[in-house]
Amino acid sequence: MNPALLIVPVVAAFIGWICNKIALQVFINRFSSKSNISTLAASIPVNEIFSFDEISQKITDPANLQKIMPVIDEHIDHFLKVKLKQSMPVVGMFIGEKTIAQLKQVFLDELQSLFPQIMQNYAKELQNDFDLKKIIAYKLQSVPEEKIQTVIKQAFAKQFSSIEIAGALIGFIIGSISVVSTYFIVK
């Protein structure tokens, strides 16, 4: 057997590796085109990923209202003690601290029952106003293809490396089979 034939599996491995590397680059280039990205965005099940119902539940949660109540309390207090007296001086003359405290409590109680309804309606309006698929597609259209390619390469680096190694291994096996079959045919 000619010792030069032993280089055939190595060359075949290199060819398998380079072919897979080129194929992956072509795939990445085609996949990251603007039209493919838009098609991908259109196929995303947005409602399963992003739920307006969950958002509505979060913003209407009484615990979240309690987090902002100190700010609301402060604003109502300022309104009743300062702004109301400035806007309506006659009313301000007849309102004392006890009345202000009672009015403040009435406002806060009403706000606690009204706030969840307002926020729920607001979330429904947002859902009607937003087409998330269009927003995602638009945002993806503004990302340069080179950046998309870089992200794809980084995200799938291990898988791409495995594919390249598999190409080299398959090439080596094919080269080895060629050498062995040539040896038996020539012999």
N, C-alpha and C. Protein backbone atom coordinates (compact mmCIF):
# COMPACT_ATOMS: atom_id res chain seq x y z
N MET A 1 0.85 -1.18 0.00
CA MET A 1 0.00 0.00 0.00
C MET A 1 0.90 1.24 0.00
N ASN A 2 0.48 2.19 -0.80
CA ASN A 2 1.24 3.42 -0.94
C ASN A 2 1.01 4.30 0.30
N PRO A 3 2.08 4.72 0.99
CA PRO A 3 1.92 5.55 2.19
C PRO A 3 1.24 6.89 1.91
N ALA A 4 1.27 7.36 0.67
CA ALA A 4 0.63 8.63 0.32
C ALA A 4 -0.89 8.53 0.45
N LEU A 5 -1.42 7.30 0.37
CA LEU A 5 -2.87 7.12 0.51
C LEU A 5 -3.36 7.43 1.93
N LEU A 6 -2.45 7.39 2.88
CA LEU A 6 -2.84 7.65 4.27
C LEU A 6 -3.26 9.11 4.48
N ILE A 7 -2.88 9.98 3.58
CA ILE A 7 -3.26 11.38 3.71
C ILE A 7 -4.71 11.62 3.24
N VAL A 8 -5.26 10.67 2.50
CA VAL A 8 -6.63 10.81 1.96
C VAL A 8 -7.66 11.01 3.08
N PRO A 9 -7.65 10.22 4.15
CA PRO A 9 -8.64 10.46 5.22
C PRO A 9 -8.50 11.84 5.85
N VAL A 10 -7.25 12.32 5.98
CA VAL A 10 -7.04 13.64 6.57
C VAL A 10 -7.60 14.73 5.66
N VAL A 11 -7.33 14.62 4.37
CA VAL A 11 -7.86 15.59 3.41
C VAL A 11 -9.39 15.52 3.37
N ALA A 12 -9.94 14.31 3.39
CA ALA A 12 -11.40 14.15 3.39
C ALA A 12 -12.01 14.74 4.66
N ALA A 13 -11.33 14.59 5.80
CA ALA A 13 -11.82 15.17 7.06
C ALA A 13 -11.83 16.69 6.94
N PHE A 14 -10.76 17.26 6.38
CA PHE A 14 -10.70 18.71 6.20
C PHE A 14 -11.82 19.19 5.27
N ILE A 15 -12.04 18.46 4.19
CA ILE A 15 -13.09 18.83 3.24
C ILE A 15 -14.46 18.75 3.93
N GLY A 16 -14.71 17.71 4.72
CA GLY A 16 -15.99 17.59 5.45
C GLY A 16 -16.19 18.73 6.42
N TRP A 17 -15.11 19.08 7.13
CA TRP A 17 -15.16 20.18 8.10
C TRP A 17 -15.45 21.50 7.39
N ILE A 18 -14.72 21.79 6.31
CA ILE A 18 -14.89 23.07 5.62
C ILE A 18 -16.26 23.15 4.94
N CYS A 19 -16.75 22.03 4.41
CA CYS A 19 -18.09 22.03 3.79
C CYS A 19 -19.18 22.37 4.81
N ASN A 20 -19.10 21.77 5.99
CA ASN A 20 -20.09 22.06 7.02
C ASN A 20 -19.96 23.50 7.51
N LYS A 21 -18.73 23.99 7.61
CA LYS A 21 -18.51 25.38 8.04
C LYS A 21 -19.14 26.34 7.03
N ILE A 22 -18.94 26.09 5.76
CA ILE A 22 -19.52 26.93 4.71
C ILE A 22 -21.05 26.82 4.73
N ALA A 23 -21.55 25.59 4.87
CA ALA A 23 -23.01 25.39 4.90
C ALA A 23 -23.64 26.14 6.07
N LEU A 24 -23.00 26.10 7.22
CA LEU A 24 -23.52 26.82 8.38
C LEU A 24 -23.51 28.33 8.15
N GLN A 25 -22.46 28.84 7.53
CA GLN A 25 -22.39 30.28 7.25
C GLN A 25 -23.49 30.69 6.28
N VAL A 26 -23.72 29.86 5.25
CA VAL A 26 -24.81 30.15 4.30
C VAL A 26 -26.15 30.13 5.02
N PHE A 27 -26.34 29.15 5.90
CA PHE A 27 -27.58 29.07 6.67
C PHE A 27 -27.78 30.31 7.53
N ILE A 28 -26.74 30.71 8.23
CA ILE A 28 -26.84 31.90 9.10
C ILE A 28 -27.15 33.14 8.26
N ASN A 29 -26.47 33.29 7.14
CA ASN A 29 -26.72 34.46 6.28
C ASN A 29 -28.15 34.49 5.77
N ARG A 30 -28.65 33.34 5.35
CA ARG A 30 -30.03 33.29 4.83
C ARG A 30 -31.04 33.47 5.94
N PHE A 31 -30.79 32.84 7.07
CA PHE A 31 -31.74 32.90 8.18
C PHE A 31 -31.85 34.31 8.75
N SER A 32 -30.75 35.03 8.77
CA SER A 32 -30.74 36.35 9.39
C SER A 32 -31.18 37.47 8.46
N SER A 33 -31.68 37.13 7.28
CA SER A 33 -32.16 38.19 6.38
C SER A 33 -33.43 38.81 6.95
N LYS A 34 -33.69 40.05 6.58
CA LYS A 34 -34.84 40.79 7.13
C LYS A 34 -36.16 40.07 6.86
N SER A 35 -36.33 39.49 5.68
CA SER A 35 -37.60 38.82 5.38
C SER A 35 -37.79 37.57 6.23
N ASN A 36 -36.71 36.82 6.46
CA ASN A 36 -36.81 35.63 7.31
C ASN A 36 -37.07 36.00 8.76
N ILE A 37 -36.47 37.07 9.21
CA ILE A 37 -36.70 37.53 10.58
C ILE A 37 -38.15 37.95 10.75
N SER A 38 -38.71 38.64 9.75
CA SER A 38 -40.11 39.05 9.82
C SER A 38 -41.03 37.84 9.83
N THR A 39 -40.70 36.84 9.03
CA THR A 39 -41.50 35.61 9.00
C THR A 39 -41.43 34.91 10.35
N LEU A 40 -40.23 34.87 10.92
CA LEU A 40 -40.06 34.27 12.25
C LEU A 40 -40.88 35.01 13.29
N ALA A 41 -40.82 36.33 13.25
CA ALA A 41 -41.58 37.14 14.22
C ALA A 41 -43.07 36.90 14.08
N ALA A 42 -43.54 36.73 12.86
CA ALA A 42 -44.97 36.51 12.64
C ALA A 42 -45.41 35.15 13.16
N SER A 43 -44.48 34.21 13.26
CA SER A 43 -44.85 32.87 13.71
C SER A 43 -44.72 32.68 15.22
N ILE A 44 -44.21 33.68 15.91
CA ILE A 44 -44.03 33.57 17.36
C ILE A 44 -45.40 33.61 18.04
N PRO A 45 -45.68 32.65 18.90
CA PRO A 45 -46.96 32.67 19.62
C PRO A 45 -46.90 33.70 20.76
N VAL A 46 -47.04 34.96 20.39
CA VAL A 46 -46.85 36.07 21.33
C VAL A 46 -47.76 35.95 22.54
N ASN A 47 -48.98 35.53 22.34
CA ASN A 47 -49.92 35.47 23.46
C ASN A 47 -49.53 34.43 24.50
N GLU A 48 -48.74 33.44 24.09
CA GLU A 48 -48.26 32.44 25.05
C GLU A 48 -47.06 32.97 25.83
N ILE A 49 -46.32 33.89 25.23
CA ILE A 49 -45.13 34.43 25.86
C ILE A 49 -45.47 35.66 26.70
N PHE A 50 -46.29 36.51 26.15
CA PHE A 50 -46.61 37.80 26.77
C PHE A 50 -48.12 37.86 26.96
N SER A 51 -48.56 37.86 28.19
CA SER A 51 -49.99 37.81 28.48
C SER A 51 -50.48 39.10 29.12
N PHE A 52 -51.42 39.75 28.43
CA PHE A 52 -52.03 40.95 29.00
C PHE A 52 -52.86 40.60 30.23
N ASP A 53 -53.38 39.38 30.27
CA ASP A 53 -54.14 38.96 31.46
C ASP A 53 -53.24 38.91 32.69
N GLU A 54 -52.01 38.42 32.51
CA GLU A 54 -51.08 38.38 33.63
C GLU A 54 -50.71 39.79 34.07
N ILE A 55 -50.51 40.67 33.11
CA ILE A 55 -50.19 42.06 33.43
C ILE A 55 -51.35 42.70 34.16
N SER A 56 -52.55 42.44 33.68
CA SER A 56 -53.75 42.99 34.32
C SER A 56 -53.86 42.50 35.76
N GLN A 57 -53.59 41.22 35.98
CA GLN A 57 -53.65 40.66 37.34
C GLN A 57 -52.60 41.31 38.24
N LYS A 58 -51.40 41.53 37.68
CA LYS A 58 -50.33 42.13 38.48
C LYS A 58 -50.66 43.57 38.87
N ILE A 59 -51.14 44.36 37.91
CA ILE A 59 -51.37 45.78 38.23
C ILE A 59 -52.64 46.01 39.03
N THR A 60 -53.55 45.04 39.03
CA THR A 60 -54.76 45.19 39.84
C THR A 60 -54.64 44.50 41.19
N ASP A 61 -53.51 43.89 41.45
CA ASP A 61 -53.27 43.21 42.72
C ASP A 61 -53.29 44.23 43.86
N PRO A 62 -54.11 44.01 44.87
CA PRO A 62 -54.19 44.96 46.00
C PRO A 62 -52.83 45.23 46.65
N ALA A 63 -51.94 44.25 46.64
CA ALA A 63 -50.62 44.45 47.25
C ALA A 63 -49.84 45.54 46.49
N ASN A 64 -50.01 45.59 45.17
CA ASN A 64 -49.33 46.63 44.39
C ASN A 64 -49.92 48.01 44.67
N LEU A 65 -51.22 48.07 44.88
CA LEU A 65 -51.85 49.34 45.24
C LEU A 65 -51.32 49.83 46.59
N GLN A 66 -51.13 48.90 47.51
CA GLN A 66 -50.62 49.28 48.83
C GLN A 66 -49.21 49.86 48.73
N LYS A 67 -48.43 49.42 47.74
CA LYS A 67 -47.08 49.94 47.57
C LYS A 67 -47.08 51.41 47.17
N ILE A 68 -48.11 51.83 46.42
CA ILE A 68 -48.15 53.22 45.97
C ILE A 68 -49.05 54.10 46.82
N MET A 69 -49.73 53.51 47.79
CA MET A 69 -50.64 54.28 48.63
C MET A 69 -49.95 55.44 49.38
N PRO A 70 -48.74 55.30 49.85
CA PRO A 70 -48.11 56.45 50.53
C PRO A 70 -47.99 57.68 49.61
N VAL A 71 -47.67 57.45 48.35
CA VAL A 71 -47.56 58.57 47.40
C VAL A 71 -48.94 59.17 47.14
N ILE A 72 -49.93 58.30 46.96
CA ILE A 72 -51.29 58.78 46.73
C ILE A 72 -51.78 59.55 47.96
N ASP A 73 -51.52 59.01 49.13
CA ASP A 73 -51.92 59.66 50.38
C ASP A 73 -51.31 61.06 50.47
N GLU A 74 -50.05 61.16 50.12
CA GLU A 74 -49.36 62.45 50.17
C GLU A 74 -49.98 63.46 49.20
N HIS A 75 -50.31 62.99 47.98
CA HIS A 75 -50.91 63.88 46.99
C HIS A 75 -52.31 64.34 47.39
N ILE A 76 -53.10 63.41 47.92
CA ILE A 76 -54.45 63.79 48.37
C ILE A 76 -54.36 64.78 49.53
N ASP A 77 -53.44 64.52 50.43
CA ASP A 77 -53.24 65.42 51.57
C ASP A 77 -52.85 66.82 51.07
N HIS A 78 -51.93 66.90 50.14
CA HIS A 78 -51.52 68.19 49.57
C HIS A 78 -52.69 68.87 48.86
N PHE A 79 -53.47 68.07 48.13
CA PHE A 79 -54.62 68.63 47.42
C PHE A 79 -55.61 69.26 48.40
N LEU A 80 -55.97 68.50 49.44
CA LEU A 80 -56.98 68.98 50.38
C LEU A 80 -56.49 70.16 51.23
N LYS A 81 -55.22 70.14 51.61
CA LYS A 81 -54.72 71.18 52.51
C LYS A 81 -54.23 72.43 51.77
N VAL A 82 -53.77 72.26 50.52
CA VAL A 82 -53.17 73.40 49.83
C VAL A 82 -53.98 73.79 48.59
N LYS A 83 -54.09 72.90 47.67
CA LYS A 83 -54.69 73.25 46.38
C LYS A 83 -56.18 73.58 46.48
N LEU A 84 -56.90 72.82 47.27
CA LEU A 84 -58.33 73.09 47.42
C LEU A 84 -58.55 74.48 48.03
N LYS A 85 -57.75 74.82 49.02
CA LYS A 85 -57.88 76.13 49.66
C LYS A 85 -57.47 77.26 48.71
N GLN A 86 -56.49 76.97 47.82
CA GLN A 86 -56.09 77.99 46.84
C GLN A 86 -57.16 78.16 45.76
N SER A 87 -57.73 77.07 45.32
CA SER A 87 -58.73 77.12 44.25
C SER A 87 -60.08 77.64 44.75
N MET A 88 -60.44 77.25 45.95
CA MET A 88 -61.73 77.62 46.51
C MET A 88 -61.53 78.17 47.93
N PRO A 89 -61.11 79.42 48.05
CA PRO A 89 -60.81 79.98 49.38
C PRO A 89 -62.00 79.94 50.34
N VAL A 90 -63.20 80.10 49.82
CA VAL A 90 -64.38 80.09 50.69
C VAL A 90 -64.55 78.72 51.32
N VAL A 91 -64.38 77.66 50.51
CA VAL A 91 -64.48 76.30 51.03
C VAL A 91 -63.36 76.07 52.05
N GLY A 92 -62.18 76.57 51.74
CA GLY A 92 -61.03 76.41 52.61
C GLY A 92 -61.24 77.01 53.99
N MET A 93 -62.06 78.06 54.05
CA MET A 93 -62.33 78.70 55.34
C MET A 93 -63.17 77.81 56.25
N PHE A 94 -64.00 76.96 55.66
CA PHE A 94 -64.92 76.14 56.46
C PHE A 94 -64.42 74.71 56.70
N ILE A 95 -63.28 74.38 56.11
CA ILE A 95 -62.75 73.02 56.27
C ILE A 95 -61.63 73.03 57.30
N GLY A 96 -61.81 72.19 58.32
CA GLY A 96 -60.79 72.05 59.35
C GLY A 96 -60.03 70.75 59.16
N GLU A 97 -59.11 70.50 60.06
CA GLU A 97 -58.28 69.29 59.99
C GLU A 97 -59.12 68.01 60.07
N LYS A 98 -60.15 68.02 60.90
CA LYS A 98 -60.99 66.84 61.06
C LYS A 98 -61.73 66.54 59.76
N THR A 99 -62.27 67.57 59.11
CA THR A 99 -62.97 67.39 57.84
C THR A 99 -62.00 66.94 56.75
N ILE A 100 -60.81 67.52 56.75
CA ILE A 100 -59.80 67.12 55.77
C ILE A 100 -59.45 65.64 55.96
N ALA A 101 -59.30 65.20 57.19
CA ALA A 101 -58.99 63.80 57.47
C ALA A 101 -60.12 62.88 57.01
N GLN A 102 -61.37 63.30 57.23
CA GLN A 102 -62.52 62.50 56.80
C GLN A 102 -62.59 62.45 55.27
N LEU A 103 -62.41 63.60 54.61
CA LEU A 103 -62.42 63.63 53.14
C LEU A 103 -61.30 62.78 52.56
N LYS A 104 -60.15 62.89 53.18
CA LYS A 104 -59.00 62.11 52.73
C LYS A 104 -59.30 60.61 52.82
N GLN A 105 -59.88 60.19 53.91
CA GLN A 105 -60.20 58.77 54.08
C GLN A 105 -61.24 58.31 53.06
N VAL A 106 -62.23 59.15 52.79
CA VAL A 106 -63.25 58.81 51.79
C VAL A 106 -62.59 58.66 50.42
N PHE A 107 -61.69 59.61 50.07
CA PHE A 107 -60.99 59.53 48.78
C PHE A 107 -60.14 58.26 48.69
N LEU A 108 -59.42 57.96 49.75
CA LEU A 108 -58.56 56.78 49.74
C LEU A 108 -59.37 55.49 49.63
N ASP A 109 -60.49 55.42 50.37
CA ASP A 109 -61.35 54.24 50.30
C ASP A 109 -61.92 54.07 48.89
N GLU A 110 -62.36 55.17 48.30
CA GLU A 110 -62.92 55.12 46.95
C GLU A 110 -61.84 54.73 45.94
N LEU A 111 -60.67 55.26 46.12
CA LEU A 111 -59.57 54.96 45.22
C LEU A 111 -59.19 53.48 45.29
N GLN A 112 -59.22 52.91 46.48
CA GLN A 112 -58.88 51.49 46.62
C GLN A 112 -59.87 50.59 45.90
N SER A 113 -61.13 50.99 45.85
CA SER A 113 -62.11 50.17 45.13
C SER A 113 -62.10 50.50 43.63
N LEU A 114 -61.77 51.71 43.29
CA LEU A 114 -61.80 52.15 41.89
C LEU A 114 -60.53 51.79 41.13
N PHE A 115 -59.39 51.85 41.79
CA PHE A 115 -58.10 51.65 41.13
C PHE A 115 -57.99 50.33 40.37
N PRO A 116 -58.37 49.17 40.95
CA PRO A 116 -58.27 47.91 40.19
C PRO A 116 -59.11 47.93 38.91
N GLN A 117 -60.30 48.52 38.97
CA GLN A 117 -61.15 48.59 37.78
C GLN A 117 -60.52 49.47 36.71
N ILE A 118 -59.99 50.59 37.12
CA ILE A 118 -59.34 51.51 36.17
C ILE A 118 -58.16 50.82 35.50
N MET A 119 -57.33 50.17 36.28
CA MET A 119 -56.14 49.53 35.74
C MET A 119 -56.51 48.35 34.84
N GLN A 120 -57.54 47.62 35.20
CA GLN A 120 -57.99 46.50 34.37
C GLN A 120 -58.49 47.02 33.02
N ASN A 121 -59.27 48.09 33.05
CA ASN A 121 -59.74 48.69 31.79
C ASN A 121 -58.58 49.22 30.97
N TYR A 122 -57.60 49.81 31.65
CA TYR A 122 -56.43 50.33 30.97
C TYR A 122 -55.65 49.20 30.29
N ALA A 123 -55.50 48.08 30.98
CA ALA A 123 -54.79 46.93 30.41
C ALA A 123 -55.53 46.40 29.19
N LYS A 124 -56.86 46.38 29.24
CA LYS A 124 -57.65 45.92 28.08
C LYS A 124 -57.47 46.86 26.89
N GLU A 125 -57.44 48.16 27.17
CA GLU A 125 -57.22 49.14 26.10
C GLU A 125 -55.83 48.97 25.50
N LEU A 126 -54.85 48.73 26.34
CA LEU A 126 -53.50 48.49 25.84
C LEU A 126 -53.48 47.27 24.93
N GLN A 127 -54.17 46.23 25.34
CA GLN A 127 -54.21 45.01 24.54
C GLN A 127 -54.83 45.28 23.18
N ASN A 128 -55.87 46.10 23.15
CA ASN A 128 -56.52 46.43 21.88
C ASN A 128 -55.64 47.32 21.01
N ASP A 129 -54.86 48.19 21.66
CA ASP A 129 -54.03 49.14 20.91
C ASP A 129 -52.73 48.54 20.41
N PHE A 130 -52.22 47.51 21.08
CA PHE A 130 -50.93 46.95 20.73
C PHE A 130 -51.08 45.68 19.91
N ASP A 131 -50.40 45.65 18.78
CA ASP A 131 -50.24 44.42 18.02
C ASP A 131 -48.80 43.98 18.23
N LEU A 132 -48.61 43.10 19.19
CA LEU A 132 -47.26 42.74 19.60
C LEU A 132 -46.44 42.13 18.48
N LYS A 133 -47.10 41.36 17.61
CA LYS A 133 -46.36 40.76 16.49
C LYS A 133 -45.79 41.86 15.58
N LYS A 134 -46.59 42.88 15.33
CA LYS A 134 -46.10 43.98 14.49
C LYS A 134 -44.96 44.73 15.19
N ILE A 135 -45.10 44.94 16.49
CA ILE A 135 -44.05 45.64 17.23
C ILE A 135 -42.76 44.84 17.20
N ILE A 136 -42.85 43.53 17.41
CA ILE A 136 -41.66 42.68 17.41
C ILE A 136 -41.03 42.67 16.02
N ALA A 137 -41.86 42.51 14.99
CA ALA A 137 -41.34 42.50 13.62
C ALA A 137 -40.66 43.83 13.30
N TYR A 138 -41.28 44.93 13.69
CA TYR A 138 -40.70 46.25 13.43
C TYR A 138 -39.36 46.41 14.14
N LYS A 139 -39.32 46.01 15.40
CA LYS A 139 -38.08 46.13 16.17
C LYS A 139 -36.98 45.25 15.56
N LEU A 140 -37.35 44.04 15.14
CA LEU A 140 -36.35 43.16 14.55
C LEU A 140 -35.86 43.69 13.21
N GLN A 141 -36.73 44.37 12.48
CA GLN A 141 -36.34 44.96 11.20
C GLN A 141 -35.27 46.03 11.39
N SER A 142 -35.26 46.67 12.54
CA SER A 142 -34.31 47.75 12.78
C SER A 142 -32.94 47.24 13.25
N VAL A 143 -32.85 45.95 13.56
CA VAL A 143 -31.58 45.38 14.00
C VAL A 143 -30.76 45.01 12.76
N PRO A 144 -29.50 45.44 12.70
CA PRO A 144 -28.67 45.10 11.54
C PRO A 144 -28.47 43.59 11.41
N GLU A 145 -28.42 43.10 10.17
CA GLU A 145 -28.28 41.67 9.94
C GLU A 145 -26.98 41.14 10.55
N GLU A 146 -25.92 41.94 10.53
CA GLU A 146 -24.65 41.50 11.10
C GLU A 146 -24.79 41.21 12.60
N LYS A 147 -25.57 42.03 13.28
CA LYS A 147 -25.78 41.82 14.72
C LYS A 147 -26.58 40.53 14.95
N ILE A 148 -27.58 40.30 14.11
CA ILE A 148 -28.37 39.07 14.23
C ILE A 148 -27.48 37.86 14.00
N GLN A 149 -26.61 37.94 12.98
CA GLN A 149 -25.69 36.84 12.70
C GLN A 149 -24.77 36.59 13.88
N THR A 150 -24.27 37.64 14.48
CA THR A 150 -23.38 37.51 15.63
C THR A 150 -24.11 36.84 16.80
N VAL A 151 -25.33 37.26 17.03
CA VAL A 151 -26.12 36.68 18.14
C VAL A 151 -26.37 35.20 17.88
N ILE A 152 -26.72 34.86 16.64
CA ILE A 152 -26.97 33.44 16.28
C ILE A 152 -25.70 32.62 16.49
N LYS A 153 -24.57 33.15 16.02
CA LYS A 153 -23.30 32.42 16.16
C LYS A 153 -22.95 32.21 17.63
N GLN A 154 -23.17 33.24 18.44
CA GLN A 154 -22.85 33.12 19.87
C GLN A 154 -23.80 32.15 20.57
N ALA A 155 -25.08 32.22 20.21
CA ALA A 155 -26.08 31.38 20.89
C ALA A 155 -25.90 29.90 20.56
N PHE A 156 -25.47 29.62 19.33
CA PHE A 156 -25.38 28.23 18.88
C PHE A 156 -23.94 27.79 18.62
N ALA A 157 -22.98 28.43 19.26
CA ALA A 157 -21.57 28.13 19.02
C ALA A 157 -21.25 26.65 19.26
N LYS A 158 -21.73 26.09 20.34
CA LYS A 158 -21.45 24.68 20.64
C LYS A 158 -22.06 23.75 19.59
N GLN A 159 -23.30 24.04 19.21
CA GLN A 159 -23.96 23.20 18.22
C GLN A 159 -23.26 23.30 16.86
N PHE A 160 -22.87 24.52 16.48
CA PHE A 160 -22.18 24.69 15.20
C PHE A 160 -20.84 23.97 15.22
N SER A 161 -20.15 24.05 16.34
CA SER A 161 -18.87 23.36 16.47
C SER A 161 -19.06 21.84 16.33
N SER A 162 -20.12 21.33 16.94
CA SER A 162 -20.42 19.89 16.84
C SER A 162 -20.71 19.49 15.40
N ILE A 163 -21.42 20.34 14.67
CA ILE A 163 -21.74 20.05 13.27
C ILE A 163 -20.46 20.04 12.44
N GLU A 164 -19.57 20.99 12.70
CA GLU A 164 -18.30 21.04 11.96
C GLU A 164 -17.45 19.81 12.26
N ILE A 165 -17.41 19.42 13.53
CA ILE A 165 -16.64 18.22 13.91
C ILE A 165 -17.26 16.97 13.28
N ALA A 166 -18.58 16.91 13.25
CA ALA A 166 -19.26 15.78 12.62
C ALA A 166 -18.89 15.71 11.14
N GLY A 167 -18.81 16.86 10.46
CA GLY A 167 -18.41 16.89 9.05
C GLY A 167 -17.00 16.36 8.87
N ALA A 168 -16.09 16.75 9.78
CA ALA A 168 -14.71 16.26 9.71
C ALA A 168 -14.67 14.75 9.95
N LEU A 169 -15.44 14.29 10.93
CA LEU A 169 -15.47 12.85 11.24
C LEU A 169 -16.03 12.05 10.08
N ILE A 170 -17.12 12.52 9.51
CA ILE A 170 -17.72 11.83 8.36
C ILE A 170 -16.74 11.84 7.18
N GLY A 171 -16.09 12.97 6.95
CA GLY A 171 -15.08 13.04 5.89
C GLY A 171 -13.95 12.07 6.13
N PHE A 172 -13.48 11.97 7.39
CA PHE A 172 -12.40 11.03 7.72
C PHE A 172 -12.84 9.59 7.47
N ILE A 173 -14.07 9.28 7.87
CA ILE A 173 -14.59 7.91 7.67
C ILE A 173 -14.69 7.60 6.18
N ILE A 174 -15.21 8.54 5.41
CA ILE A 174 -15.33 8.33 3.96
C ILE A 174 -13.95 8.18 3.34
N GLY A 175 -12.99 9.01 3.75
CA GLY A 175 -11.62 8.90 3.24
C GLY A 175 -10.99 7.57 3.60
N SER A 176 -11.22 7.12 4.83
CA SER A 176 -10.68 5.83 5.27
C SER A 176 -11.28 4.69 4.47
N ILE A 177 -12.59 4.75 4.25
CA ILE A 177 -13.26 3.72 3.45
C ILE A 177 -12.69 3.71 2.03
N SER A 178 -12.44 4.90 1.50
CA SER A 178 -11.86 5.00 0.15
C SER A 178 -10.48 4.36 0.10
N VAL A 179 -9.65 4.62 1.10
CA VAL A 179 -8.30 4.05 1.14
C VAL A 179 -8.37 2.54 1.25
N VAL A 180 -9.21 2.04 2.16
CA VAL A 180 -9.32 0.59 2.37
C VAL A 180 -9.85 -0.07 1.12
N SER A 181 -10.90 0.51 0.50
CA SER A 181 -11.45 -0.11 -0.72
C SER A 181 -10.45 -0.05 -1.86
N THR A 182 -9.68 1.02 -1.97
CA THR A 182 -8.65 1.12 -3.01
C THR A 182 -7.58 0.08 -2.77
N TYR A 183 -7.21 -0.13 -1.52
CA TYR A 183 -6.19 -1.15 -1.18
C TYR A 183 -6.63 -2.53 -1.64
N PHE A 184 -7.91 -2.88 -1.37
CA PHE A 184 -8.39 -4.22 -1.74
C PHE A 184 -8.63 -4.34 -3.24
N ILE A 185 -8.98 -3.24 -3.90
CA ILE A 185 -9.21 -3.30 -5.35
C ILE A 185 -7.85 -3.45 -6.07
N VAL A 186 -6.86 -2.71 -5.64
CA VAL A 186 -5.54 -2.75 -6.27
C VAL A 186 -4.83 -4.07 -5.96
N LYS A 187 -5.05 -4.64 -4.84
CA LYS A 187 -4.39 -5.87 -4.42
C LYS A 187 -4.90 -7.04 -5.13
